[in-house]
PDB file of N, CA and C in Angstrom:
ATOM      1  N   MET A   1      -6.665  -6.389  -8.504  1.00  0.00           N
ATOM      2  CA  MET A   1      -5.830  -5.388  -7.868  1.00  0.00           C
ATOM      3  C   MET A   1      -5.057  -6.027  -6.721  1.00  0.00           C
ATOM      4  N   LEU A   2      -3.795  -5.799  -6.713  1.00  0.00           N
ATOM      5  CA  LEU A   2      -2.973  -6.241  -5.595  1.00  0.00           C
ATOM      6  C   LEU A   2      -2.892  -5.089  -4.599  1.00  0.00           C
ATOM      7  N   LYS A   3      -3.153  -5.357  -3.357  1.00  0.00           N
ATOM      8  CA  LYS A   3      -3.272  -4.303  -2.351  1.00  0.00           C
ATOM      9  C   LYS A   3      -1.919  -3.881  -1.787  1.00  0.00           C
ATOM     10  N   LYS A   4      -1.815  -2.586  -1.541  1.00  0.00           N
ATOM     11  CA  LYS A   4      -0.598  -2.044  -0.934  1.00  0.00           C
ATOM     12  C   LYS A   4      -0.348  -2.689   0.436  1.00  0.00           C
ATOM     13  N   LYS A   5      -1.410  -2.982   1.151  1.00  0.00           N
ATOM     14  CA  LYS A   5      -1.295  -3.626   2.467  1.00  0.00           C
ATOM     15  C   LYS A   5      -0.572  -4.963   2.361  1.00  0.00           C
ATOM     16  N   TRP A   6      -0.810  -5.695   1.283  1.00  0.00           N
ATOM     17  CA  TRP A   6      -0.134  -6.981   1.101  1.00  0.00           C
ATOM     18  C   TRP A   6       1.364  -6.793   0.949  1.00  0.00           C
ATOM     19  N   LEU A   7       1.775  -5.734   0.260  1.00  0.00           N
ATOM     20  CA  LEU A   7       3.207  -5.448   0.142  1.00  0.00           C
ATOM     21  C   LEU A   7       3.792  -5.145   1.520  1.00  0.00           C
ATOM     22  N   GLU A   8       3.079  -4.357   2.303  1.00  0.00           N
ATOM     23  CA  GLU A   8       3.541  -4.050   3.660  1.00  0.00           C
ATOM     24  C   GLU A   8       3.638  -5.324   4.500  1.00  0.00           C
ATOM     25  N   ASP A   9       2.642  -6.207   4.362  1.00  0.00           N
ATOM     26  CA  ASP A   9       2.667  -7.474   5.099  1.00  0.00           C
ATOM     27  C   ASP A   9       3.892  -8.292   4.732  1.00  0.00           C
ATOM     28  N   ILE A  10       4.141  -8.453   3.453  1.00  0.00           N
ATOM     29  CA  ILE A  10       5.254  -9.301   3.026  1.00  0.00           C
ATOM     30  C   ILE A  10       6.590  -8.727   3.480  1.00  0.00           C
ATOM     31  N   TYR A  11       6.698  -7.414   3.464  1.00  0.00           N
ATOM     32  CA  TYR A  11       7.908  -6.765   3.970  1.00  0.00           C
ATOM     33  C   TYR A  11       8.082  -7.073   5.465  1.00  0.00           C
ATOM     34  N   ASN A  12       6.993  -6.997   6.225  1.00  0.00           N
ATOM     35  CA  ASN A  12       7.049  -7.302   7.658  1.00  0.00           C
ATOM     36  C   ASN A  12       7.392  -8.763   7.907  1.00  0.00           C
ATOM     37  N   PHE A  13       6.863  -9.668   7.077  1.00  0.00           N
ATOM     38  CA  PHE A  13       7.208 -11.087   7.218  1.00  0.00           C
ATOM     39  C   PHE A  13       8.707 -11.303   7.030  1.00  0.00           C
ATOM     40  N   LYS A  14       9.276 -10.641   6.020  1.00  0.00           N
ATOM     41  CA  LYS A  14      10.719 -10.788   5.759  1.00  0.00           C
ATOM     42  C   LYS A  14      11.532 -10.214   6.915  1.00  0.00           C
ATOM     43  N   GLU A  15      11.126  -9.056   7.419  1.00  0.00           N
ATOM     44  CA  GLU A  15      11.840  -8.436   8.542  1.00  0.00           C
ATOM     45  C   GLU A  15      11.797  -9.332   9.786  1.00  0.00           C
ATOM     46  N   ALA A  16      10.659  -9.974  10.019  1.00  0.00           N
ATOM     47  CA  ALA A  16      10.484 -10.834  11.184  1.00  0.00           C
ATOM     48  C   ALA A  16      10.998 -12.252  10.938  1.00  0.00           C
ATOM     49  N   LYS A  17      11.509 -12.494   9.728  1.00  0.00           N
ATOM     50  CA  LYS A  17      11.981 -13.822   9.334  1.00  0.00           C
ATOM     51  C   LYS A  17      10.866 -14.869   9.467  1.00  0.00           C
ATOM     52  N   ASP A  18       9.643 -14.438   9.159  1.00  0.00           N
ATOM     53  CA  ASP A  18       8.462 -15.298   9.187  1.00  0.00           C
ATOM     54  C   ASP A  18       8.267 -15.873   7.781  1.00  0.00           C
ATOM     55  N   MET A  19       9.064 -16.866   7.457  1.00  0.00           N
ATOM     56  CA  MET A  19       9.072 -17.400   6.106  1.00  0.00           C
ATOM     57  C   MET A  19       7.814 -18.207   5.783  1.00  0.00           C
ATOM     58  N   ASP A  20       7.146 -18.765   6.785  1.00  0.00           N
ATOM     59  CA  ASP A  20       5.898 -19.495   6.525  1.00  0.00           C
ATOM     60  C   ASP A  20       4.839 -18.559   5.949  1.00  0.00           C
ATOM     61  N   ASP A  21       4.636 -17.410   6.591  1.00  0.00           N
ATOM     62  CA  ASP A  21       3.662 -16.449   6.078  1.00  0.00           C
ATOM     63  C   ASP A  21       4.128 -15.834   4.760  1.00  0.00           C
ATOM     64  N   PHE A  22       5.427 -15.591   4.636  1.00  0.00           N
ATOM     65  CA  PHE A  22       5.986 -15.062   3.393  1.00  0.00           C
ATOM     66  C   PHE A  22       5.648 -15.994   2.230  1.00  0.00           C
ATOM     67  N   HIS A  23       5.935 -17.269   2.381  1.00  0.00           N
ATOM     68  CA  HIS A  23       5.675 -18.248   1.320  1.00  0.00           C
ATOM     69  C   HIS A  23       4.172 -18.467   1.097  1.00  0.00           C
ATOM     70  N   SER A  24       3.390 -18.315   2.154  1.00  0.00           N
ATOM     71  CA  SER A  24       1.938 -18.407   2.016  1.00  0.00           C
ATOM     72  C   SER A  24       1.413 -17.306   1.095  1.00  0.00           C
ATOM     73  N   TYR A  25       1.932 -16.085   1.245  1.00  0.00           N
ATOM     74  CA  TYR A  25       1.530 -14.984   0.365  1.00  0.00           C
ATOM     75  C   TYR A  25       1.957 -15.261  -1.075  1.00  0.00           C
ATOM     76  N   LEU A  26       3.132 -15.814  -1.266  1.00  0.00           N
ATOM     77  CA  LEU A  26       3.578 -16.139  -2.620  1.00  0.00           C
ATOM     78  C   LEU A  26       2.677 -17.206  -3.241  1.00  0.00           C
ATOM     79  N   ARG A  27       2.353 -18.243  -2.476  1.00  0.00           N
ATOM     80  CA  ARG A  27       1.487 -19.316  -2.984  1.00  0.00           C
ATOM     81  C   ARG A  27       0.087 -18.796  -3.322  1.00  0.00           C
ATOM     82  N   SER A  28      -0.412 -17.848  -2.554  1.00  0.00           N
ATOM     83  CA  SER A  28      -1.761 -17.326  -2.778  1.00  0.00           C
ATOM     84  C   SER A  28      -1.794 -16.251  -3.865  1.00  0.00           C
ATOM     85  N   LYS A  29      -0.616 -15.914  -4.403  1.00  0.00           N
ATOM     86  CA  LYS A  29      -0.466 -14.898  -5.446  1.00  0.00           C
ATOM     87  C   LYS A  29      -0.849 -13.496  -4.970  1.00  0.00           C
ATOM     88  N   ARG A  30      -0.775 -13.286  -3.658  1.00  0.00           N
ATOM     89  CA  ARG A  30      -0.939 -11.926  -3.138  1.00  0.00           C
ATOM     90  C   ARG A  30       0.321 -11.114  -3.403  1.00  0.00           C
ATOM     91  N   CYS A  31       1.411 -11.819  -3.570  1.00  0.00           N
ATOM     92  CA  CYS A  31       2.706 -11.206  -3.821  1.00  0.00           C
ATOM     93  C   CYS A  31       3.484 -12.137  -4.737  1.00  0.00           C
ATOM     94  N   PHE A  32       4.304 -11.568  -5.594  1.00  0.00           N
ATOM     95  CA  PHE A  32       5.086 -12.405  -6.492  1.00  0.00           C
ATOM     96  C   PHE A  32       6.306 -11.632  -6.965  1.00  0.00           C
ATOM     97  N   TYR A  33       7.229 -12.347  -7.541  1.00  0.00           N
ATOM     98  CA  TYR A  33       8.439 -11.734  -8.072  1.00  0.00           C
ATOM     99  C   TYR A  33       8.151 -11.167  -9.458  1.00  0.00           C
ATOM    100  N   ILE A  34       8.669  -9.991  -9.727  1.00  0.00           N
ATOM    101  CA  ILE A  34       8.506  -9.356 -11.033  1.00  0.00           C
ATOM    102  C   ILE A  34       9.706  -9.734 -11.890  1.00  0.00           C
ATOM    103  N   LYS A  35       9.440 -10.199 -13.097  1.00  0.00           N
ATOM    104  CA  LYS A  35      10.515 -10.552 -14.024  1.00  0.00           C
ATOM    105  C   LYS A  35      11.261  -9.306 -14.465  1.00  0.00           C
ATOM    106  N   ALA A  36      12.543  -9.432 -14.623  1.00  0.00           N
ATOM    107  CA  ALA A  36      13.347  -8.331 -15.158  1.00  0.00           C
ATOM    108  C   ALA A  36      12.931  -8.047 -16.593  1.00  0.00           C
ATOM    109  N   GLY A  37      12.920  -6.779 -16.955  1.00  0.00           N
ATOM    110  CA  GLY A  37      12.626  -6.390 -18.326  1.00  0.00           C
ATOM    111  C   GLY A  37      11.155  -6.146 -18.626  1.00  0.00           C
ATOM    112  N   ILE A  38      10.281  -6.349 -17.645  1.00  0.00           N
ATOM    113  CA  ILE A  38       8.856  -6.094 -17.843  1.00  0.00           C
ATOM    114  C   ILE A  38       8.618  -4.580 -17.806  1.00  0.00           C
ATOM    115  N   ASN A  39       7.905  -4.060 -18.778  1.00  0.00           N
ATOM    116  CA  ASN A  39       7.569  -2.638 -18.793  1.00  0.00           C
ATOM    117  C   ASN A  39       6.259  -2.410 -18.054  1.00  0.00           C
ATOM    118  N   VAL A  40       6.265  -1.446 -17.140  1.00  0.00           N
ATOM    119  CA  VAL A  40       5.083  -1.104 -16.365  1.00  0.00           C
ATOM    120  C   VAL A  40       4.847   0.399 -16.453  1.00  0.00           C
ATOM    121  N   SER A  41       3.654   0.819 -16.089  1.00  0.00           N
ATOM    122  CA  SER A  41       3.325   2.245 -16.039  1.00  0.00           C
ATOM    123  C   SER A  41       3.189   2.662 -14.587  1.00  0.00           C
ATOM    124  N   ILE A  42       4.069   3.534 -14.120  1.00  0.00           N
ATOM    125  CA  ILE A  42       4.019   4.009 -12.745  1.00  0.00           C
ATOM    126  C   ILE A  42       2.893   5.027 -12.633  1.00  0.00           C
ATOM    127  N   ASN A  43       2.022   4.823 -11.631  1.00  0.00           N
ATOM    128  CA  ASN A  43       0.900   5.746 -11.459  1.00  0.00           C
ATOM    129  C   ASN A  43       0.792   6.302 -10.047  1.00  0.00           C
ATOM    130  N   LYS A  44       1.584   5.814  -9.120  1.00  0.00           N
ATOM    131  CA  LYS A  44       1.599   6.337  -7.751  1.00  0.00           C
ATOM    132  C   LYS A  44       3.057   6.472  -7.320  1.00  0.00           C
ATOM    133  N   PHE A  45       3.523   7.697  -7.302  1.00  0.00           N
ATOM    134  CA  PHE A  45       4.909   7.931  -6.926  1.00  0.00           C
ATOM    135  C   PHE A  45       5.025   8.048  -5.407  1.00  0.00           C
ATOM    136  N   PRO A  46       6.142   7.586  -4.848  1.00  0.00           N
ATOM    137  CA  PRO A  46       6.315   7.656  -3.395  1.00  0.00           C
ATOM    138  C   PRO A  46       6.513   9.099  -2.940  1.00  0.00           C
ATOM    139  N   ASP A  47       6.108   9.361  -1.697  1.00  0.00           N
ATOM    140  CA  ASP A  47       6.428  10.664  -1.123  1.00  0.00           C
ATOM    141  C   ASP A  47       7.647  10.495  -0.219  1.00  0.00           C
ATOM    142  N   GLN A  48       8.019  11.525   0.478  1.00  0.00           N
ATOM    143  CA  GLN A  48       9.250  11.459   1.270  1.00  0.00           C
ATOM    144  C   GLN A  48       9.166  10.515   2.463  1.00  0.00           C
ATOM    145  N   PHE A  49       7.964  10.104   2.855  1.00  0.00           N
ATOM    146  CA  PHE A  49       7.802   9.216   4.004  1.00  0.00           C
ATOM    147  C   PHE A  49       7.459   7.787   3.617  1.00  0.00           C
ATOM    148  N   ASP A  50       7.465   7.487   2.338  1.00  0.00           N
ATOM    149  CA  ASP A  50       7.018   6.186   1.850  1.00  0.00           C
ATOM    150  C   ASP A  50       8.016   5.672   0.823  1.00  0.00           C
ATOM    151  N   ASN A  51       8.285   4.395   0.838  1.00  0.00           N
ATOM    152  CA  ASN A  51       9.205   3.846  -0.155  1.00  0.00           C
ATOM    153  C   ASN A  51       8.496   2.872  -1.089  1.00  0.00           C
ATOM    154  N   THR A  52       7.174   3.039  -1.238  1.00  0.00           N
ATOM    155  CA  THR A  52       6.431   2.182  -2.150  1.00  0.00           C
ATOM    156  C   THR A  52       5.984   2.976  -3.373  1.00  0.00           C
ATOM    157  N   VAL A  53       5.893   2.267  -4.473  1.00  0.00           N
ATOM    158  CA  VAL A  53       5.475   2.870  -5.733  1.00  0.00           C
ATOM    159  C   VAL A  53       4.356   2.012  -6.310  1.00  0.00           C
ATOM    160  N   GLY A  54       3.324   2.678  -6.819  1.00  0.00           N
ATOM    161  CA  GLY A  54       2.218   1.976  -7.460  1.00  0.00           C
ATOM    162  C   GLY A  54       2.443   1.940  -8.962  1.00  0.00           C
ATOM    163  N   PHE A  55       2.082   0.824  -9.577  1.00  0.00           N
ATOM    164  CA  PHE A  55       2.237   0.714 -11.019  1.00  0.00           C
ATOM    165  C   PHE A  55       1.154  -0.188 -11.578  1.00  0.00           C
ATOM    166  N   VAL A  56       0.962  -0.074 -12.870  1.00  0.00           N
ATOM    167  CA  VAL A  56      -0.027  -0.896 -13.562  1.00  0.00           C
ATOM    168  C   VAL A  56       0.710  -1.799 -14.538  1.00  0.00           C
ATOM    169  N   TYR A  57       0.370  -3.069 -14.490  1.00  0.00           N
ATOM    170  CA  TYR A  57       0.876  -4.041 -15.445  1.00  0.00           C
ATOM    171  C   TYR A  57      -0.288  -4.928 -15.851  1.00  0.00           C
ATOM    172  N   ASP A  58      -0.472  -5.068 -17.129  1.00  0.00           N
ATOM    173  CA  ASP A  58      -1.544  -5.918 -17.658  1.00  0.00           C
ATOM    174  C   ASP A  58      -2.911  -5.532 -17.064  1.00  0.00           C
ATOM    175  N   ASN A  59      -3.151  -4.222 -17.003  1.00  0.00           N
ATOM    176  CA  ASN A  59      -4.400  -3.656 -16.475  1.00  0.00           C
ATOM    177  C   ASN A  59      -4.669  -3.986 -15.010  1.00  0.00           C
ATOM    178  N   THR A  60      -3.628  -4.305 -14.254  1.00  0.00           N
ATOM    179  CA  THR A  60      -3.771  -4.619 -12.840  1.00  0.00           C
ATOM    180  C   THR A  60      -2.918  -3.671 -12.015  1.00  0.00           C
ATOM    181  N   GLN A  61      -3.526  -3.042 -11.008  1.00  0.00           N
ATOM    182  CA  GLN A  61      -2.786  -2.178 -10.093  1.00  0.00           C
ATOM    183  C   GLN A  61      -1.923  -3.045  -9.190  1.00  0.00           C
ATOM    184  N   MET A  62      -0.652  -2.696  -9.072  1.00  0.00           N
ATOM    185  CA  MET A  62       0.285  -3.435  -8.235  1.00  0.00           C
ATOM    186  C   MET A  62       1.132  -2.442  -7.449  1.00  0.00           C
ATOM    187  N   TRP A  63       1.882  -2.957  -6.481  1.00  0.00           N
ATOM    188  CA  TRP A  63       2.740  -2.136  -5.634  1.00  0.00           C
ATOM    189  C   TRP A  63       4.102  -2.798  -5.505  1.00  0.00           C
ATOM    190  N   SER A  64       5.110  -1.960  -5.329  1.00  0.00           N
ATOM    191  CA  SER A  64       6.469  -2.467  -5.136  1.00  0.00           C
ATOM    192  C   SER A  64       7.236  -1.480  -4.275  1.00  0.00           C
ATOM    193  N   VAL A  65       8.335  -1.950  -3.713  1.00  0.00           N
ATOM    194  CA  VAL A  65       9.245  -1.011  -3.069  1.00  0.00           C
ATOM    195  C   VAL A  65      10.008  -0.291  -4.176  1.00  0.00           C
ATOM    196  N   VAL A  66      10.364   0.940  -3.914  1.00  0.00           N
ATOM    197  CA  VAL A  66      10.976   1.800  -4.928  1.00  0.00           C
ATOM    198  C   VAL A  66      12.203   1.165  -5.564  1.00  0.00           C
ATOM    199  N   ASN A  67      13.091   0.611  -4.760  1.00  0.00           N
ATOM    200  CA  ASN A  67      14.356   0.113  -5.305  1.00  0.00           C
ATOM    201  C   ASN A  67      14.227  -1.218  -6.042  1.00  0.00           C
ATOM    202  N   ALA A  68      13.019  -1.778  -6.120  1.00  0.00           N
ATOM    203  CA  ALA A  68      12.825  -3.031  -6.864  1.00  0.00           C
ATOM    204  C   ALA A  68      12.589  -2.786  -8.346  1.00  0.00           C
ATOM    205  N   LEU A  69      12.310  -1.535  -8.712  1.00  0.00           N
ATOM    206  CA  LEU A  69      12.048  -1.208 -10.109  1.00  0.00           C
ATOM    207  C   LEU A  69      13.242  -0.494 -10.719  1.00  0.00           C
ATOM    208  N   ASP A  70      13.470  -0.745 -11.993  1.00  0.00           N
ATOM    209  CA  ASP A  70      14.511  -0.065 -12.759  1.00  0.00           C
ATOM    210  C   ASP A  70      13.841   1.086 -13.503  1.00  0.00           C
ATOM    211  N   TYR A  71      14.251   2.300 -13.210  1.00  0.00           N
ATOM    212  CA  TYR A  71      13.619   3.481 -13.786  1.00  0.00           C
ATOM    213  C   TYR A  71      14.293   3.930 -15.075  1.00  0.00           C
ATOM    214  N   GLY A  72      15.065   3.062 -15.687  1.00  0.00           N
ATOM    215  CA  GLY A  72      15.717   3.396 -16.941  1.00  0.00           C
ATOM    216  C   GLY A  72      14.703   3.640 -18.055  1.00  0.00           C
ATOM    217  N   VAL A  73      15.065   4.480 -18.965  1.00  0.00           N
ATOM    218  CA  VAL A  73      14.177   4.810 -20.089  1.00  0.00           C
ATOM    219  C   VAL A  73      14.389   3.797 -21.190  1.00  0.00           C
ATOM    220  N   GLN A  74      13.294   3.234 -21.693  1.00  0.00           N
ATOM    221  CA  GLN A  74      13.351   2.277 -22.791  1.00  0.00           C
ATOM    222  C   GLN A  74      13.216   3.025 -24.113  1.00  0.00           C
ATOM    223  N   HIS A  75      14.003   2.675 -25.095  1.00  0.00           N
ATOM    224  CA  HIS A  75      13.902   3.290 -26.437  1.00  0.00           C
ATOM    225  C   HIS A  75      13.503   2.257 -27.435  1.00  0.00           C
TER     226      HIS A  75
END
Protein backbone atom coordinates (compact mmCIF):
# COMPACT_ATOMS: atom_id res chain seq x y z
CA MET A 1 0.00 0.00 0.00
CA LEU A 2 1.27 3.41 -0.90
CA LYS A 3 0.31 5.90 1.80
CA LYS A 4 -1.63 9.08 1.19
CA LYS A 5 0.85 10.84 3.49
CA TRP A 6 3.63 10.06 1.02
CA LEU A 7 1.70 11.83 -1.73
CA GLU A 8 1.30 14.85 0.54
CA ASP A 9 5.03 14.75 1.33
CA ILE A 10 6.07 14.65 -2.31
CA TYR A 11 3.73 17.52 -3.13
CA ASN A 12 5.30 19.55 -0.30
CA PHE A 13 8.81 18.71 -1.54
CA LYS A 14 7.92 20.03 -5.00
CA GLU A 15 6.35 23.19 -3.57
CA ALA A 16 9.45 23.82 -1.44
CA LYS A 17 11.73 22.97 -4.38
CA ASP A 18 13.31 20.28 -2.18
CA MET A 19 14.46 18.09 -5.03
CA ASP A 20 16.77 15.94 -2.87
CA ASP A 21 13.86 14.64 -0.80
CA PHE A 22 11.66 14.45 -3.91
CA HIS A 23 14.17 12.20 -5.69
CA SER A 24 14.73 10.21 -2.50
CA TYR A 25 11.02 9.30 -2.47
CA LEU A 26 11.20 8.29 -6.13
CA ARG A 27 14.27 6.11 -5.51
CA SER A 28 12.61 4.43 -2.51
CA LYS A 29 9.48 3.75 -4.61
CA ARG A 30 7.28 5.61 -2.14
CA CYS A 31 6.18 7.65 -5.13
CA PHE A 32 6.47 7.08 -8.85
CA TYR A 33 5.20 8.26 -12.19
CA ILE A 34 2.10 6.54 -13.57
CA LYS A 35 2.32 5.49 -17.21
CA ALA A 36 -0.29 6.91 -19.54
CA GLY A 37 -2.97 4.44 -20.55
CA ILE A 38 -2.90 2.34 -17.37
CA ASN A 39 -6.40 1.37 -16.24
CA VAL A 40 -7.07 1.75 -12.51
CA SER A 41 -10.09 1.38 -10.25
CA ILE A 42 -10.93 4.53 -8.31
CA ASN A 43 -12.07 3.69 -4.79
CA LYS A 44 -11.67 6.96 -2.85
CA PHE A 45 -13.17 10.02 -4.44
CA PRO A 46 -12.03 13.48 -3.34
CA ASP A 47 -14.31 15.72 -1.33
CA GLN A 48 -14.59 19.47 -1.75
CA PHE A 49 -11.60 20.13 0.54
CA ASP A 50 -9.23 17.53 -0.90
CA ASN A 51 -7.66 17.13 -4.31
CA THR A 52 -6.44 13.56 -3.87
CA VAL A 53 -8.02 10.43 -5.25
CA GLY A 54 -7.44 6.86 -4.10
CA PHE A 55 -7.19 4.06 -6.63
CA VAL A 56 -6.21 0.44 -6.90
CA TYR A 57 -3.75 -0.86 -9.45
CA ASP A 58 -2.41 -4.39 -9.46
CA ASN A 59 -4.09 -5.05 -6.08
CA THR A 60 -2.21 -2.14 -4.48
CA GLN A 61 -3.87 0.93 -2.95
CA MET A 62 -2.34 4.11 -4.36
CA TRP A 63 -3.02 7.85 -4.27
CA SER A 64 -2.79 10.64 -6.81
CA VAL A 65 -3.79 14.23 -7.26
CA VAL A 66 -7.10 14.48 -9.09
CA ASN A 67 -5.78 16.17 -12.22
CA ALA A 68 -3.09 13.50 -12.76
CA LEU A 69 -5.68 10.92 -13.81
CA ASP A 70 -7.64 10.81 -17.05
CA TYR A 71 -11.28 10.05 -16.24
CA GLY A 72 -12.18 9.13 -19.80
CA VAL A 73 -14.30 6.04 -20.31
CA GLN A 74 -12.55 3.10 -21.96
CA HIS A 75 -14.55 0.98 -24.43
